[in-house]
Amino acid sequence: MSVALRYTIDHHEIRRWSERRGGRPAGLGRVGRRIAGLRTDFPQYRIKAALRRITCGGFFDAFETARWGFVCREETEDGQLSRFHRFVKRATRGQAPSVRDCVL
């Protein structure tokens, strides 16, 4: 059985998805005044990484500036909450987002 991916640019949906899984907005640092490398930080699953917590406002400002979209799964195949997500190039009208465009 395949678990469907969902695409959104809605800030409330993204925030709700992240918070339900214990995720917090994070970045990999800054380039000048811009936040570089948006991530959702799951502290309980963190592998040594240089993530820096940022505010939701800063996170979504960077999300909009970079014109990202958000691809995620709600559940794993066995019905558990999935933490799978990727930031992708924002889809344009009539174009479906591609997981191949994922930012890792």
N, C-alpha and C. Protein backbone atom coordinates (compact mmCIF):
# COMPACT_ATOMS: atom_id res chain seq x y z
N MET A 1 0.84 -1.18 0.00
CA MET A 1 0.00 0.00 0.00
C MET A 1 0.88 1.24 0.00
N SER A 2 0.55 2.21 -0.82
CA SER A 2 1.31 3.44 -0.92
C SER A 2 0.59 4.54 -0.14
N VAL A 3 1.35 5.33 0.59
CA VAL A 3 0.77 6.43 1.35
C VAL A 3 0.94 7.71 0.53
N ALA A 4 -0.16 8.41 0.31
CA ALA A 4 -0.17 9.58 -0.56
C ALA A 4 0.61 10.75 0.03
N LEU A 5 1.24 11.49 -0.86
CA LEU A 5 1.89 12.74 -0.49
C LEU A 5 0.89 13.87 -0.63
N ARG A 6 1.04 14.88 0.20
CA ARG A 6 0.16 16.04 0.15
C ARG A 6 1.01 17.28 -0.06
N TYR A 7 0.55 18.20 -0.88
CA TYR A 7 1.25 19.44 -1.17
C TYR A 7 0.43 20.61 -0.66
N THR A 8 1.10 21.58 -0.02
CA THR A 8 0.40 22.78 0.43
C THR A 8 1.38 23.95 0.50
N ILE A 9 0.81 25.15 0.46
CA ILE A 9 1.58 26.36 0.76
C ILE A 9 0.90 27.11 1.91
N ASP A 10 -0.14 26.52 2.47
CA ASP A 10 -0.91 27.14 3.55
C ASP A 10 -0.12 27.11 4.86
N HIS A 11 0.18 28.27 5.40
CA HIS A 11 1.00 28.37 6.61
C HIS A 11 0.37 27.66 7.80
N HIS A 12 -0.95 27.77 7.95
CA HIS A 12 -1.63 27.13 9.08
C HIS A 12 -1.55 25.61 8.98
N GLU A 13 -1.71 25.08 7.79
CA GLU A 13 -1.60 23.62 7.60
C GLU A 13 -0.20 23.14 7.92
N ILE A 14 0.80 23.86 7.44
CA ILE A 14 2.19 23.47 7.67
C ILE A 14 2.51 23.52 9.17
N ARG A 15 2.08 24.59 9.80
CA ARG A 15 2.34 24.74 11.25
C ARG A 15 1.63 23.65 12.04
N ARG A 16 0.39 23.37 11.70
CA ARG A 16 -0.39 22.33 12.40
C ARG A 16 0.26 20.96 12.21
N TRP A 17 0.70 20.64 10.98
CA TRP A 17 1.36 19.37 10.69
C TRP A 17 2.62 19.23 11.54
N SER A 18 3.44 20.28 11.58
CA SER A 18 4.71 20.24 12.32
C SER A 18 4.48 20.12 13.82
N GLU A 19 3.61 20.95 14.37
CA GLU A 19 3.38 20.95 15.82
C GLU A 19 2.79 19.63 16.30
N ARG A 20 1.94 19.01 15.50
CA ARG A 20 1.34 17.73 15.89
C ARG A 20 2.41 16.65 16.07
N ARG A 21 3.54 16.82 15.41
CA ARG A 21 4.64 15.85 15.46
C ARG A 21 5.79 16.31 16.35
N GLY A 22 5.59 17.43 17.04
CA GLY A 22 6.63 17.95 17.92
C GLY A 22 7.70 18.74 17.19
N GLY A 23 7.43 19.13 15.95
CA GLY A 23 8.40 19.87 15.14
C GLY A 23 8.41 21.35 15.45
N ARG A 24 9.57 21.95 15.23
CA ARG A 24 9.74 23.38 15.45
C ARG A 24 10.43 23.98 14.23
N PRO A 25 10.12 25.25 13.91
CA PRO A 25 10.77 25.89 12.76
C PRO A 25 12.26 26.08 13.03
N ALA A 26 13.06 25.79 12.03
CA ALA A 26 14.51 25.92 12.16
C ALA A 26 15.12 26.28 10.82
N GLY A 27 16.34 26.76 10.90
CA GLY A 27 17.12 27.07 9.71
C GLY A 27 18.54 26.57 9.91
N LEU A 28 19.26 26.52 8.82
CA LEU A 28 20.66 26.08 8.90
C LEU A 28 21.59 27.24 9.16
N GLY A 29 21.07 28.43 9.28
CA GLY A 29 21.88 29.62 9.53
C GLY A 29 21.34 30.78 8.73
N ARG A 30 22.18 31.76 8.52
CA ARG A 30 21.78 32.95 7.78
C ARG A 30 22.81 33.27 6.72
N VAL A 31 22.32 33.83 5.64
CA VAL A 31 23.17 34.39 4.60
C VAL A 31 22.78 35.87 4.56
N GLY A 32 23.61 36.70 5.15
CA GLY A 32 23.24 38.10 5.31
C GLY A 32 22.05 38.19 6.25
N ARG A 33 20.97 38.78 5.78
CA ARG A 33 19.76 38.87 6.60
C ARG A 33 18.77 37.76 6.30
N ARG A 34 19.08 36.91 5.31
CA ARG A 34 18.17 35.82 4.91
C ARG A 34 18.45 34.56 5.71
N ILE A 35 17.39 33.84 6.03
CA ILE A 35 17.52 32.53 6.66
C ILE A 35 17.84 31.53 5.57
N ALA A 36 18.84 30.71 5.81
CA ALA A 36 19.26 29.72 4.81
C ALA A 36 18.78 28.33 5.25
N GLY A 37 18.36 27.54 4.30
CA GLY A 37 18.03 26.14 4.56
C GLY A 37 16.92 25.91 5.57
N LEU A 38 15.68 26.16 5.19
CA LEU A 38 14.55 25.90 6.09
C LEU A 38 14.46 24.43 6.44
N ARG A 39 14.14 24.16 7.67
CA ARG A 39 13.96 22.79 8.15
C ARG A 39 12.86 22.78 9.20
N THR A 40 12.31 21.59 9.43
CA THR A 40 11.46 21.37 10.58
C THR A 40 12.30 20.53 11.52
N ASP A 41 12.55 21.03 12.71
CA ASP A 41 13.40 20.35 13.69
C ASP A 41 12.54 19.48 14.59
N PHE A 42 12.86 18.20 14.62
CA PHE A 42 12.22 17.26 15.53
C PHE A 42 13.28 16.90 16.57
N PRO A 43 13.36 17.64 17.69
CA PRO A 43 14.46 17.46 18.64
C PRO A 43 14.68 16.02 19.09
N GLN A 44 13.63 15.25 19.26
CA GLN A 44 13.78 13.88 19.72
C GLN A 44 14.41 12.97 18.68
N TYR A 45 14.48 13.42 17.43
CA TYR A 45 15.05 12.60 16.35
C TYR A 45 16.28 13.26 15.71
N ARG A 46 16.75 14.33 16.32
CA ARG A 46 17.85 15.09 15.72
C ARG A 46 19.14 14.29 15.70
N ILE A 47 19.75 14.27 14.54
CA ILE A 47 21.09 13.77 14.39
C ILE A 47 21.95 15.02 14.42
N LYS A 48 23.08 14.96 15.05
CA LYS A 48 23.91 16.16 15.20
C LYS A 48 23.82 17.06 13.97
N ALA A 49 23.18 18.15 14.13
CA ALA A 49 23.02 19.09 13.02
C ALA A 49 23.12 20.50 13.56
N ALA A 50 23.49 21.40 12.73
CA ALA A 50 23.66 22.80 13.12
C ALA A 50 22.37 23.58 12.92
N LEU A 51 21.25 23.01 13.34
CA LEU A 51 19.97 23.70 13.19
C LEU A 51 19.84 24.79 14.24
N ARG A 52 19.25 25.89 13.83
CA ARG A 52 18.98 26.99 14.75
C ARG A 52 17.49 27.26 14.75
N ARG A 53 16.91 27.28 15.94
CA ARG A 53 15.48 27.58 16.04
C ARG A 53 15.23 29.00 15.58
N ILE A 54 14.13 29.17 14.86
CA ILE A 54 13.72 30.50 14.41
C ILE A 54 12.24 30.67 14.73
N THR A 55 11.77 31.88 14.67
CA THR A 55 10.36 32.14 14.94
C THR A 55 9.51 31.65 13.77
N CYS A 56 8.26 31.40 14.05
CA CYS A 56 7.33 31.04 12.97
C CYS A 56 7.26 32.15 11.94
N GLY A 57 7.26 33.39 12.40
CA GLY A 57 7.22 34.52 11.48
C GLY A 57 8.42 34.54 10.55
N GLY A 58 9.61 34.34 11.12
CA GLY A 58 10.83 34.30 10.32
C GLY A 58 10.84 33.13 9.36
N PHE A 59 10.33 31.99 9.84
CA PHE A 59 10.26 30.78 9.02
C PHE A 59 9.38 31.03 7.80
N PHE A 60 8.18 31.56 8.01
CA PHE A 60 7.25 31.74 6.90
C PHE A 60 7.64 32.92 6.00
N ASP A 61 8.33 33.92 6.55
CA ASP A 61 8.87 34.98 5.69
C ASP A 61 9.88 34.37 4.70
N ALA A 62 10.77 33.52 5.22
CA ALA A 62 11.76 32.87 4.35
C ALA A 62 11.09 31.91 3.37
N PHE A 63 10.06 31.21 3.82
CA PHE A 63 9.28 30.28 2.99
C PHE A 63 8.69 31.02 1.79
N GLU A 64 8.11 32.20 2.04
CA GLU A 64 7.49 32.99 0.97
C GLU A 64 8.54 33.64 0.08
N THR A 65 9.60 34.15 0.65
CA THR A 65 10.65 34.79 -0.14
C THR A 65 11.25 33.80 -1.13
N ALA A 66 11.48 32.56 -0.68
CA ALA A 66 12.08 31.53 -1.53
C ALA A 66 11.04 30.87 -2.44
N ARG A 67 9.76 31.15 -2.22
CA ARG A 67 8.66 30.58 -3.00
C ARG A 67 8.66 29.05 -2.93
N TRP A 68 8.75 28.52 -1.70
CA TRP A 68 8.71 27.08 -1.50
C TRP A 68 7.27 26.59 -1.41
N GLY A 69 7.11 25.30 -1.60
CA GLY A 69 5.90 24.57 -1.31
C GLY A 69 6.28 23.51 -0.30
N PHE A 70 5.31 22.88 0.31
CA PHE A 70 5.55 21.88 1.36
C PHE A 70 4.88 20.58 0.96
N VAL A 71 5.65 19.51 0.89
CA VAL A 71 5.13 18.18 0.58
C VAL A 71 5.30 17.34 1.84
N CYS A 72 4.23 16.62 2.22
CA CYS A 72 4.31 15.81 3.43
C CYS A 72 3.42 14.58 3.32
N ARG A 73 3.61 13.70 4.28
CA ARG A 73 2.73 12.54 4.45
C ARG A 73 2.08 12.67 5.82
N GLU A 74 0.82 12.33 5.91
CA GLU A 74 0.11 12.36 7.19
C GLU A 74 0.47 11.14 8.04
N GLU A 75 0.49 9.97 7.40
CA GLU A 75 0.72 8.72 8.14
C GLU A 75 1.69 7.82 7.40
N THR A 76 2.30 6.93 8.15
CA THR A 76 3.13 5.88 7.56
C THR A 76 2.21 4.77 7.08
N GLU A 77 2.77 3.79 6.40
CA GLU A 77 1.94 2.69 5.90
C GLU A 77 1.27 1.91 7.02
N ASP A 78 1.89 1.90 8.22
CA ASP A 78 1.28 1.17 9.34
C ASP A 78 0.39 2.05 10.22
N GLY A 79 0.06 3.27 9.73
CA GLY A 79 -0.90 4.12 10.42
C GLY A 79 -0.33 5.06 11.48
N GLN A 80 0.99 5.10 11.65
CA GLN A 80 1.62 6.02 12.60
C GLN A 80 1.76 7.40 11.96
N LEU A 81 1.93 8.43 12.80
CA LEU A 81 2.18 9.77 12.27
C LEU A 81 3.50 9.76 11.52
N SER A 82 3.49 10.28 10.32
CA SER A 82 4.70 10.35 9.50
C SER A 82 5.37 11.71 9.72
N ARG A 83 6.69 11.72 9.74
CA ARG A 83 7.43 12.97 9.79
C ARG A 83 8.05 13.29 8.43
N PHE A 84 7.70 12.51 7.40
CA PHE A 84 8.25 12.75 6.07
C PHE A 84 7.72 14.08 5.54
N HIS A 85 8.65 14.95 5.16
CA HIS A 85 8.28 16.23 4.55
C HIS A 85 9.46 16.74 3.75
N ARG A 86 9.17 17.58 2.80
CA ARG A 86 10.19 18.21 1.98
C ARG A 86 9.70 19.60 1.57
N PHE A 87 10.65 20.49 1.39
CA PHE A 87 10.37 21.79 0.82
C PHE A 87 10.73 21.69 -0.65
N VAL A 88 9.79 22.06 -1.50
CA VAL A 88 9.98 21.93 -2.94
C VAL A 88 9.73 23.27 -3.62
N LYS A 89 10.20 23.37 -4.85
CA LYS A 89 9.87 24.56 -5.63
C LYS A 89 8.36 24.67 -5.71
N ARG A 90 7.86 25.86 -5.54
CA ARG A 90 6.42 26.06 -5.54
C ARG A 90 5.82 25.73 -6.90
N ALA A 91 4.75 24.97 -6.87
CA ALA A 91 4.05 24.61 -8.10
C ALA A 91 3.34 25.84 -8.65
N THR A 92 3.28 25.91 -9.95
CA THR A 92 2.52 26.98 -10.59
C THR A 92 1.17 26.42 -10.99
N ARG A 93 0.27 27.27 -11.37
CA ARG A 93 -1.07 26.81 -11.77
C ARG A 93 -0.99 25.73 -12.82
N GLY A 94 -1.73 24.66 -12.59
CA GLY A 94 -1.79 23.58 -13.56
C GLY A 94 -0.58 22.66 -13.54
N GLN A 95 0.35 22.90 -12.63
CA GLN A 95 1.55 22.08 -12.54
C GLN A 95 1.54 21.37 -11.20
N ALA A 96 1.75 20.08 -11.20
CA ALA A 96 1.83 19.32 -9.96
C ALA A 96 3.26 19.38 -9.42
N PRO A 97 3.43 19.49 -8.10
CA PRO A 97 4.77 19.50 -7.54
C PRO A 97 5.41 18.12 -7.70
N SER A 98 6.71 18.11 -7.82
CA SER A 98 7.43 16.86 -7.97
C SER A 98 8.34 16.64 -6.78
N VAL A 99 8.29 15.45 -6.20
CA VAL A 99 9.17 15.13 -5.09
C VAL A 99 10.63 15.14 -5.56
N ARG A 100 10.85 14.99 -6.86
CA ARG A 100 12.21 15.08 -7.39
C ARG A 100 12.80 16.46 -7.21
N ASP A 101 11.93 17.47 -7.00
CA ASP A 101 12.38 18.85 -6.78
C ASP A 101 12.68 19.11 -5.31
N CYS A 102 12.71 18.08 -4.48
CA CYS A 102 12.89 18.25 -3.04
C CYS A 102 14.21 18.93 -2.71
N VAL A 103 14.16 19.74 -1.67
CA VAL A 103 15.37 20.33 -1.11
C VAL A 103 15.73 19.46 0.08
N LEU A 104 16.86 18.85 0.04
CA LEU A 104 17.26 17.95 1.13
C LEU A 104 18.13 18.65 2.13
